[in-house]
């Protein structure tokens, strides 16, 4: 990592007076932040994971994100690096942001609307571009991989503790607060929503699987961590999460990137089956799982909500209804349920209703460009690293997990969005390095023939 050094000197190299020394002293915290962009980036992701919008703990995630952006921009200025790299994915991001900001700006000020706008668009899109400036070396990528494994261990431990009733071990304690979030009877983690917790477990589990295949995760730690994932998935008590995880494992067994992945996934299926049998041996758990499997209310509810949402779209197919207007308006279009607000439970339907055809088209364009990033070339020196060939083969699976679950929940979760777009930003930066490597080949060959 290239060090950042700020030296404040007077004219002709003379030392500054008291005011100059005070200014230099005031700049030292910023200098420290600029010198550790990877640690600051991971700290910002941690704040997004552990700080729920409904929790009265100040806006630590916004503070962390602001410090991250300030330090990276300052670092780029000092090192004379480009402040902004325009990618193909940048254009649909800009389009979506303009649509959303125009919608919110035309409404009376509402803190919740701006928070949703930041969680869904502004912060993830900014992390996409900032990640390309931070994760440029294998050392920083390894730190991200360690962070991923730690978060997976934390989420799995929390879910399993909830499943076995060891609630005193769950941190932070707001996870158990019945007045916050949803699904208080399930392992929902700090995201306070079981589906979002399951999406995170699934994505992080795939990254842990890659770490195992690259021999970055080995021995007893690997066995315990990977074995905990299917049990944690079971603890979410959410059919969509179960089906997504089962489908992920099945696809990797049928069409694995290599034999190691197939063996591990078969092991995960066995562990998941054993865990299910153990859970079913307890009467309370057996009853809870049976109730979840037999429950038809959520399906009927979603059908009614989707029908009402489609009616809303047909009323305003071009302009849409605006950011966060759907919950209250949807309640008027769904007569079967007497609620003041109803949520769409579908990311694509929400985009269609709130921003019209243009909003959904821009989002699909963005997802297409994000998918294409995994088909880029890999620099020769990075083929065995974190973003090597194995990661590129895994990228469509990571996106598929996100896309399928977006059909069942609105992706308003800043950590989930931030994690996905951070990895997309890493791939975009890698593509730029691969392009620079290809362009340098003719000059290298010319020099070798001299």
Protein backbone atom coordinates (compact mmCIF):
# COMPACT_ATOMS: atom_id res chain seq x y z
CA UNK A 1 0.00 0.00 0.00
CA UNK A 2 1.40 3.32 -1.02
CA UNK A 3 1.90 5.59 1.99
CA UNK A 4 0.30 8.99 2.13
CA UNK A 5 2.41 11.76 3.57
CA UNK A 6 1.26 15.32 4.11
CA UNK A 7 4.05 17.81 4.69
CA UNK A 8 3.20 21.40 5.46
CA UNK A 9 6.11 23.77 4.95
CA UNK A 10 6.48 27.49 4.62
CA UNK A 11 8.01 29.49 1.81
CA UNK A 12 11.48 28.29 0.94
CA UNK A 13 11.08 25.23 3.16
CA UNK A 14 11.05 27.27 6.38
CA UNK A 15 9.05 25.97 9.29
CA UNK A 16 5.58 27.41 9.74
CA UNK A 17 4.57 29.39 12.78
CA UNK A 18 2.06 28.50 15.43
CA UNK A 19 -0.91 28.73 13.03
CA UNK A 20 0.77 26.49 10.50
CA UNK A 21 1.68 23.90 13.11
CA UNK A 22 -1.90 23.98 14.40
CA UNK A 23 -3.20 23.40 10.88
CA UNK A 24 -0.77 20.53 10.36
CA UNK A 25 -1.83 19.01 13.67
CA UNK A 26 -5.50 19.30 12.69
CA UNK A 27 -4.77 17.46 9.43
CA UNK A 28 -3.18 14.46 11.16
CA UNK A 29 -6.48 12.59 11.75
CA UNK A 30 -7.34 12.99 8.08
CA UNK A 31 -3.84 11.82 7.16
CA UNK A 32 -4.31 8.72 9.30
CA UNK A 33 -7.62 7.96 7.59
CA UNK A 34 -6.10 8.48 4.15
CA UNK A 35 -3.30 6.05 5.00
CA UNK A 36 -5.72 3.20 5.83
CA UNK A 37 -8.49 3.26 3.19
CA UNK A 38 -9.13 -0.49 3.33
CA UNK A 39 -9.68 -0.53 7.08
CA UNK A 40 -11.95 2.50 6.80
CA UNK A 41 -13.95 0.89 3.98
CA UNK A 42 -14.50 -2.29 6.00
CA UNK A 43 -15.42 -0.21 9.07
CA UNK A 44 -18.08 1.56 7.00
CA UNK A 45 -19.53 -1.78 5.87
CA UNK A 46 -19.56 -2.93 9.49
CA UNK A 47 -21.46 0.18 10.54
CA UNK A 48 -24.00 -0.49 7.79
CA UNK A 49 -24.45 -4.04 9.05
CA UNK A 50 -24.86 -3.24 12.74
CA UNK A 51 -26.81 0.00 12.62
CA UNK A 52 -30.50 -0.44 11.74
CA UNK A 53 -32.41 2.73 10.72
CA UNK A 54 -34.92 2.26 13.56
CA UNK A 55 -32.23 1.98 16.23
CA UNK A 56 -31.47 5.10 18.25
CA UNK A 57 -27.70 4.99 17.89
CA UNK A 58 -27.06 8.15 15.94
CA UNK A 59 -26.32 7.77 12.22
CA UNK A 60 -22.98 6.06 12.69
CA UNK A 61 -23.26 4.47 9.25
CA UNK A 62 -23.61 7.87 7.59
CA UNK A 63 -20.67 9.24 9.58
CA UNK A 64 -18.52 6.25 8.58
CA UNK A 65 -19.52 6.61 4.94
CA UNK A 66 -18.77 10.34 4.98
CA UNK A 67 -15.32 9.77 6.47
CA UNK A 68 -14.67 7.05 3.91
CA UNK A 69 -15.57 9.28 0.97
CA UNK A 70 -13.58 12.22 2.37
CA UNK A 71 -10.46 10.17 2.99
CA UNK A 72 -10.49 8.45 -0.40
CA UNK A 73 -11.03 11.71 -2.26
CA UNK A 74 -8.27 13.36 -0.21
CA UNK A 75 -5.97 10.43 -0.89
CA UNK A 76 -6.64 10.64 -4.62
CA UNK A 77 -5.85 14.37 -4.61
CA UNK A 78 -2.58 13.87 -2.71
CA UNK A 79 -1.48 10.97 -4.92
CA UNK A 80 -2.76 12.71 -8.07
CA UNK A 81 -5.03 9.82 -8.95
CA UNK A 82 -8.25 10.10 -11.00
CA UNK A 83 -11.14 11.07 -8.73
CA UNK A 84 -13.81 9.30 -10.79
CA UNK A 85 -13.74 6.43 -13.25
CA UNK A 86 -16.75 6.25 -15.55
CA UNK A 87 -17.88 2.67 -16.21
CA UNK A 88 -20.66 1.36 -18.40
CA UNK A 89 -22.59 0.63 -15.21
CA UNK A 90 -22.20 4.27 -14.18
CA UNK A 91 -24.82 5.50 -16.64
CA UNK A 92 -27.81 3.48 -15.38
CA UNK A 93 -26.69 4.35 -11.83
CA UNK A 94 -26.82 8.04 -12.69
CA UNK A 95 -30.20 7.62 -14.36
CA UNK A 96 -31.73 5.81 -11.38
CA UNK A 97 -30.31 8.36 -8.95
CA UNK A 98 -31.69 11.28 -10.96
CA UNK A 99 -35.15 9.69 -11.09
CA UNK A 100 -35.14 9.01 -7.36
CA UNK A 101 -33.77 12.42 -6.33
CA UNK A 102 -36.26 14.22 -8.59
CA UNK A 103 -39.07 12.22 -6.98
CA UNK A 104 -37.97 12.92 -3.40
CA UNK A 105 -37.21 16.58 -4.11
CA UNK A 106 -40.77 17.06 -5.34
CA UNK A 107 -42.24 15.84 -2.04
CA UNK A 108 -42.33 17.48 1.41
CA UNK A 109 -39.15 16.72 3.32
CA UNK A 110 -39.24 13.27 4.86
CA UNK A 111 -36.15 11.82 6.54
CA UNK A 112 -37.28 8.26 5.81
CA UNK A 113 -37.51 8.91 2.07
CA UNK A 114 -33.97 10.28 1.92
CA UNK A 115 -32.70 7.35 4.02
CA UNK A 116 -34.29 4.86 1.62
CA UNK A 117 -32.83 6.75 -1.32
CA UNK A 118 -29.37 6.53 0.23
CA UNK A 119 -29.68 2.83 1.14
CA UNK A 120 -30.95 1.74 -2.28
CA UNK A 121 -29.07 3.99 -4.66
CA UNK A 122 -26.65 6.64 -3.40
CA UNK A 123 -24.51 4.67 -0.97
CA UNK A 124 -24.22 1.42 -3.01
CA UNK A 125 -23.45 3.33 -6.20
CA UNK A 126 -20.82 5.40 -4.40
CA UNK A 127 -19.28 2.25 -2.90
CA UNK A 128 -19.08 0.80 -6.42
CA UNK A 129 -16.77 3.62 -7.50
CA UNK A 130 -14.90 3.95 -4.19
CA UNK A 131 -14.14 0.21 -4.11
CA UNK A 132 -12.35 0.54 -7.43
CA UNK A 133 -10.01 3.07 -5.83
CA UNK A 134 -9.42 1.14 -2.59
CA UNK A 135 -9.19 -2.54 -3.50
CA UNK A 136 -6.44 -2.31 -6.08
CA UNK A 137 -3.90 -4.71 -4.57
CA UNK A 138 -4.09 -8.32 -3.47
CA UNK A 139 -3.33 -7.37 0.12
CA UNK A 140 -6.45 -5.19 0.34
CA UNK A 141 -8.51 -7.92 -1.35
CA UNK A 142 -7.28 -10.43 1.22
CA UNK A 143 -8.39 -8.08 3.99
CA UNK A 144 -11.84 -7.93 2.40
CA UNK A 145 -11.92 -11.72 2.26
CA UNK A 146 -11.05 -11.97 5.96
CA UNK A 147 -13.79 -9.44 6.71
CA UNK A 148 -16.30 -11.54 4.77
CA UNK A 149 -15.40 -14.67 6.73
CA UNK A 150 -15.68 -12.84 10.06
CA UNK A 151 -19.10 -11.44 9.17
CA UNK A 152 -20.27 -14.88 8.05
CA UNK A 153 -19.10 -16.41 11.34
CA UNK A 154 -20.92 -13.67 13.27
CA UNK A 155 -24.21 -14.00 11.37
CA UNK A 156 -24.11 -17.81 11.57
CA UNK A 157 -23.36 -17.76 15.30
CA UNK A 158 -26.17 -15.28 15.93
CA UNK A 159 -28.66 -17.34 13.92
CA UNK A 160 -27.73 -20.61 15.62
CA UNK A 161 -27.84 -18.97 19.06
CA UNK A 162 -31.36 -17.82 18.28
CA UNK A 163 -32.33 -21.30 17.07
CA UNK A 164 -31.18 -23.03 20.26
CA UNK A 165 -32.57 -20.33 22.53
CA UNK A 166 -29.23 -18.91 23.72
CA UNK A 167 -30.49 -15.34 23.33
CA UNK A 168 -28.09 -13.94 25.91
CA UNK A 169 -25.30 -14.53 23.37
CA UNK A 170 -26.94 -12.43 20.67
CA UNK A 171 -25.35 -9.04 19.97
CA UNK A 172 -26.45 -6.32 19.48
CA UNK A 173 -29.47 -6.79 21.73
CA UNK A 174 -31.82 -4.75 19.55
CA UNK A 175 -32.08 -7.88 17.38
CA UNK A 176 -34.43 -9.26 20.07
CA UNK A 177 -36.54 -6.09 20.31
CA UNK A 178 -40.08 -6.98 19.22
CA UNK A 179 -40.89 -3.34 18.43
CA UNK A 180 -38.25 -3.14 15.69
CA UNK A 181 -38.22 -4.66 12.22
CA UNK A 182 -39.96 -7.87 11.26
CA UNK A 183 -39.89 -11.60 11.99
CA UNK A 184 -39.02 -11.38 15.67
CA UNK A 185 -39.75 -15.12 15.92
CA UNK A 186 -36.98 -15.99 13.44
CA UNK A 187 -33.21 -15.61 13.17
CA UNK A 188 -33.18 -12.21 11.51
CA UNK A 189 -29.78 -10.89 12.57
CA UNK A 190 -28.93 -7.17 12.77
CA UNK A 191 -30.77 -6.58 9.49
CA UNK A 192 -34.03 -7.25 11.41
CA UNK A 193 -35.51 -9.11 8.46
CA UNK A 194 -35.18 -12.86 7.99
CA UNK A 195 -34.98 -12.78 4.19
CA UNK A 196 -32.25 -10.13 4.23
CA UNK A 197 -30.33 -12.16 6.81
CA UNK A 198 -30.71 -15.24 4.64
CA UNK A 199 -29.49 -13.40 1.54
CA UNK A 200 -26.39 -12.25 3.46
CA UNK A 201 -25.70 -15.78 4.73
CA UNK A 202 -26.06 -17.19 1.22
CA UNK A 203 -23.78 -14.61 -0.41
CA UNK A 204 -21.13 -14.80 2.30
CA UNK A 205 -21.32 -18.61 2.30
CA UNK A 206 -20.47 -18.67 -1.40
CA UNK A 207 -17.47 -16.43 -0.75
CA UNK A 208 -16.39 -18.74 2.09
CA UNK A 209 -16.67 -21.68 -0.29
CA UNK A 210 -14.35 -19.88 -2.71
CA UNK A 211 -11.89 -19.19 0.12
CA UNK A 212 -11.87 -22.90 0.97
CA UNK A 213 -11.23 -23.90 -2.64
CA UNK A 214 -8.35 -21.40 -2.81
CA UNK A 215 -6.97 -22.86 0.45
CA UNK A 216 -7.38 -19.54 2.22
CA UNK A 217 -9.72 -21.24 4.67
CA UNK A 218 -8.58 -24.64 5.92
CA UNK A 219 -8.73 -27.14 8.74
CA UNK A 220 -11.18 -27.11 11.63
CA UNK A 221 -12.06 -23.44 11.08
CA UNK A 222 -13.19 -24.20 7.55
CA UNK A 223 -15.23 -27.22 8.63
CA UNK A 224 -16.99 -25.35 11.44
CA UNK A 225 -17.71 -22.24 9.40
CA UNK A 226 -19.04 -24.03 6.33
CA UNK A 227 -21.06 -26.49 8.41
CA UNK A 228 -22.69 -23.63 10.31
CA UNK A 229 -24.14 -22.04 7.17
CA UNK A 230 -26.93 -24.58 6.41
CA UNK A 231 -27.94 -24.60 10.10
CA UNK A 232 -28.05 -20.79 10.14
CA UNK A 233 -30.10 -20.81 6.93
CA UNK A 234 -32.54 -23.23 8.58
CA UNK A 235 -32.79 -20.89 11.59
CA UNK A 236 -34.21 -18.08 9.42
CA UNK A 237 -37.45 -20.10 9.20
CA UNK A 238 -38.10 -18.57 5.79
CA UNK A 239 -39.15 -20.73 2.87
CA UNK A 240 -37.70 -18.39 0.24
CA UNK A 241 -34.31 -18.50 1.93
CA UNK A 242 -34.46 -22.29 2.24
CA UNK A 243 -35.32 -22.73 -1.43
CA UNK A 244 -32.66 -20.28 -2.61
CA UNK A 245 -29.96 -21.97 -0.55
CA UNK A 246 -31.07 -25.44 -1.66
CA UNK A 247 -31.08 -24.31 -5.28
CA UNK A 248 -27.60 -22.80 -4.91
CA UNK A 249 -26.19 -26.02 -3.46
CA UNK A 250 -27.94 -28.14 -6.10
CA UNK A 251 -26.58 -26.06 -8.98
CA UNK A 252 -23.05 -26.26 -7.59
CA UNK A 253 -23.36 -30.03 -7.22
CA UNK A 254 -24.68 -30.52 -10.77
CA UNK A 255 -22.44 -27.92 -12.46
CA UNK A 256 -19.52 -27.19 -10.15
CA UNK A 257 -16.56 -24.98 -11.14
CA UNK A 258 -14.31 -27.81 -9.92
CA UNK A 259 -14.45 -31.09 -8.01
CA UNK A 260 -13.65 -29.48 -4.67
CA UNK A 261 -16.79 -27.37 -4.87
CA UNK A 262 -18.90 -30.44 -5.61
CA UNK A 263 -17.50 -32.34 -2.63
CA UNK A 264 -18.03 -29.40 -0.28
CA UNK A 265 -21.60 -28.84 -1.49
CA UNK A 266 -22.43 -32.51 -1.02
CA UNK A 267 -21.05 -32.16 2.50
CA UNK A 268 -23.22 -29.06 3.06
CA UNK A 269 -26.29 -30.97 1.89
CA UNK A 270 -25.48 -33.77 4.34
CA UNK A 271 -24.89 -31.34 7.20
CA UNK A 272 -28.09 -29.50 6.39
CA UNK A 273 -30.06 -32.74 6.40
CA UNK A 274 -28.55 -33.82 9.73
CA UNK A 275 -29.22 -30.38 11.20
CA UNK A 276 -32.83 -30.56 10.03
CA UNK A 277 -33.27 -33.99 11.65
CA UNK A 278 -31.77 -32.74 14.91
CA UNK A 279 -34.04 -29.68 14.93
CA UNK A 280 -37.08 -31.83 14.14
CA UNK A 281 -36.30 -33.97 17.17
CA UNK A 282 -37.42 -31.06 19.40
CA UNK A 283 -41.18 -30.69 19.52
CA UNK A 284 -41.20 -26.86 19.53
CA UNK A 285 -38.87 -26.62 16.55
CA UNK A 286 -40.73 -29.36 14.70
CA UNK A 287 -44.00 -27.50 15.19
CA UNK A 288 -42.48 -24.19 14.05
CA UNK A 289 -41.08 -25.71 10.84
CA UNK A 290 -44.36 -27.54 10.14
CA UNK A 291 -46.28 -24.29 10.60
CA UNK A 292 -43.95 -22.47 8.20
CA UNK A 293 -44.33 -25.18 5.55
CA UNK A 294 -48.11 -25.32 5.84
CA UNK A 295 -48.72 -21.59 6.14
CA UNK A 296 -50.56 -20.26 3.10
CA UNK A 297 -51.28 -16.75 4.38
CA UNK A 298 -48.06 -15.16 3.08
CA UNK A 299 -48.64 -16.56 -0.42
CA UNK A 300 -52.20 -15.22 -0.54
CA UNK A 301 -51.02 -11.89 0.87
CA UNK A 302 -48.28 -11.53 -1.74
CA UNK A 303 -50.70 -12.41 -4.53
CA UNK A 304 -53.09 -9.66 -3.40
CA UNK A 305 -50.23 -7.16 -3.01
CA UNK A 306 -48.78 -7.96 -6.44
CA UNK A 307 -52.20 -7.56 -8.03
CA UNK A 308 -52.69 -4.19 -6.33
CA UNK A 309 -49.19 -3.10 -7.32
CA UNK A 310 -49.86 -3.97 -10.95
CA UNK A 311 -53.03 -1.88 -10.87
CA UNK A 312 -51.01 1.04 -9.53
CA UNK A 313 -48.51 0.65 -12.37
CA UNK A 314 -51.28 0.67 -14.98
CA UNK A 315 -52.55 3.96 -13.58
CA UNK A 316 -49.14 5.68 -13.93
CA UNK A 317 -46.96 3.54 -16.23
CA UNK A 318 -44.62 6.35 -17.30
CA UNK A 319 -44.21 8.74 -14.39
CA UNK A 320 -44.65 6.31 -11.48
CA UNK A 321 -45.92 7.23 -8.01
CA UNK A 322 -42.65 8.42 -6.47
CA UNK A 323 -40.23 7.17 -3.81
CA UNK A 324 -41.88 5.51 -0.79
CA UNK A 325 -45.38 6.37 -1.98
CA UNK A 326 -46.27 2.76 -2.68
CA UNK A 327 -46.93 1.52 0.90
CA UNK A 328 -49.74 3.97 1.64
CA UNK A 329 -51.21 3.94 -1.88
CA UNK A 330 -51.03 0.15 -2.11
CA UNK A 331 -53.27 -0.16 0.96
CA UNK A 332 -56.01 1.63 -1.02
CA UNK A 333 -55.66 -0.77 -3.94
CA UNK A 334 -55.80 -3.96 -1.86
CA UNK A 335 -59.24 -4.35 -0.33
CA UNK A 336 -58.68 -7.83 1.14
CA UNK A 337 -56.49 -6.53 3.98
CA UNK A 338 -57.38 -3.72 6.35
CA UNK A 339 -53.95 -2.11 6.73
CA UNK A 340 -52.91 1.53 6.61
CA UNK A 341 -49.69 0.61 4.78
CA UNK A 342 -48.70 -2.39 2.68
CA UNK A 343 -45.28 -3.25 1.32
CA UNK A 344 -44.69 -4.69 -2.16
CA UNK A 345 -42.23 -7.46 -1.14
CA UNK A 346 -40.72 -7.31 -4.63
CA UNK A 347 -37.86 -5.06 -5.71
CA UNK A 348 -38.79 -5.08 -9.40
CA UNK A 349 -42.46 -4.32 -8.75
CA UNK A 350 -41.53 -1.44 -6.48
CA UNK A 351 -39.25 0.05 -9.12
CA UNK A 352 -41.98 -0.30 -11.74
CA UNK A 353 -44.61 1.35 -9.55
CA UNK A 354 -42.43 4.12 -8.07
CA UNK A 355 -40.43 5.09 -11.17
CA UNK A 356 -42.43 3.68 -14.07
CA UNK A 357 -41.10 1.79 -17.06
CA UNK A 358 -37.97 3.96 -17.21
CA UNK A 359 -37.00 3.03 -13.63
CA UNK A 360 -37.27 -0.71 -14.20
CA UNK A 361 -35.49 -0.44 -17.56
CA UNK A 362 -32.59 1.41 -15.98
CA UNK A 363 -32.35 -1.15 -13.18
CA UNK A 364 -32.33 -4.08 -15.62
CA UNK A 365 -29.66 -2.30 -17.66
CA UNK A 366 -27.62 -1.84 -14.48
CA UNK A 367 -27.92 -5.52 -13.56
CA UNK A 368 -26.84 -6.47 -17.09
CA UNK A 369 -23.73 -4.32 -16.83
CA UNK A 370 -22.95 -5.71 -13.36
CA UNK A 371 -23.26 -9.25 -14.72
CA UNK A 372 -20.91 -8.41 -17.62
CA UNK A 373 -18.19 -7.41 -15.17
CA UNK A 374 -17.74 -11.08 -14.28
CA UNK A 375 -16.90 -11.87 -17.91
CA UNK A 376 -13.92 -9.54 -18.03
CA UNK A 377 -10.31 -10.59 -18.40
CA UNK A 378 -8.20 -11.39 -15.35
CA UNK A 379 -4.67 -9.93 -15.16
CA UNK A 380 -2.00 -12.60 -15.18
CA UNK A 381 -0.78 -11.78 -11.66
CA UNK A 382 -4.32 -12.03 -10.20
CA UNK A 383 -5.44 -15.39 -11.59
CA UNK A 384 -4.92 -17.20 -8.30
CA UNK A 385 -6.04 -14.29 -6.10
CA UNK A 386 -9.38 -13.36 -4.60
CA UNK A 387 -10.70 -11.98 -7.91
CA UNK A 388 -9.25 -14.85 -9.92
CA UNK A 389 -10.96 -17.24 -12.32
CA UNK A 390 -12.86 -18.96 -9.50
CA UNK A 391 -14.46 -15.69 -8.43
CA UNK A 392 -15.47 -14.93 -12.02
CA UNK A 393 -17.14 -18.33 -12.29
CA UNK A 394 -18.89 -17.69 -8.97
CA UNK A 395 -20.10 -14.19 -9.86
CA UNK A 396 -23.25 -15.27 -11.79
CA UNK A 397 -24.25 -17.41 -8.81
CA UNK A 398 -23.82 -14.48 -6.41
CA UNK A 399 -25.97 -12.31 -8.64
CA UNK A 400 -28.59 -15.06 -9.03
CA UNK A 401 -28.97 -15.28 -5.24
CA UNK A 402 -29.49 -11.51 -5.09
CA UNK A 403 -31.90 -11.43 -8.04
CA UNK A 404 -34.08 -14.32 -6.87
CA UNK A 405 -34.44 -12.92 -3.37
CA UNK A 406 -35.22 -9.49 -4.82
CA UNK A 407 -38.39 -11.12 -6.14
CA UNK A 408 -39.46 -11.78 -2.55
CA UNK A 409 -38.28 -8.70 -0.66
CA UNK A 410 -37.48 -5.06 -1.44
CA UNK A 411 -33.72 -4.67 -1.27
CA UNK A 412 -33.67 -1.65 1.02
CA UNK A 413 -30.84 -3.17 3.04
CA UNK A 414 -27.77 -0.99 2.85
CA UNK A 415 -25.31 -3.71 3.86
CA UNK A 416 -26.59 -6.22 1.29
CA UNK A 417 -26.56 -3.62 -1.48
CA UNK A 418 -23.21 -2.25 -0.36
CA UNK A 419 -21.62 -5.71 -0.29
CA UNK A 420 -22.79 -6.57 -3.80
CA UNK A 421 -21.79 -3.25 -5.37
CA UNK A 422 -18.45 -3.26 -3.57
CA UNK A 423 -17.58 -6.55 -5.26
CA UNK A 424 -18.86 -5.18 -8.57
CA UNK A 425 -16.57 -2.17 -8.14
CA UNK A 426 -13.63 -4.51 -7.52
CA UNK A 427 -14.37 -6.30 -10.79
CA UNK A 428 -14.64 -3.01 -12.67
CA UNK A 429 -11.23 -1.93 -11.35
CA UNK A 430 -9.80 -5.31 -12.26
CA UNK A 431 -11.09 -4.93 -15.80
CA UNK A 432 -9.26 -1.61 -16.06
CA UNK A 433 -6.03 -3.27 -14.87
CA UNK A 434 -6.48 -6.08 -17.39
CA UNK A 435 -6.98 -3.54 -20.17
CA UNK A 436 -3.85 -1.66 -19.13
CA UNK A 437 -1.92 -4.94 -19.09
CA UNK A 438 -2.99 -5.76 -22.65
CA UNK A 439 -2.03 -2.26 -23.85
CA UNK A 440 1.41 -2.61 -22.29
CA UNK A 441 2.22 -5.82 -24.16
CA UNK A 442 3.29 -4.19 -27.49
CA UNK A 443 5.72 -1.83 -25.74
CA UNK A 444 7.17 -4.67 -23.67
CA UNK A 445 7.66 -6.80 -26.76
CA UNK A 446 9.31 -3.90 -28.60
CA UNK A 447 11.75 -3.41 -25.73
CA UNK A 448 12.56 -7.12 -25.62
CA UNK A 449 13.54 -7.10 -29.33
CA UNK A 450 15.94 -4.18 -28.95
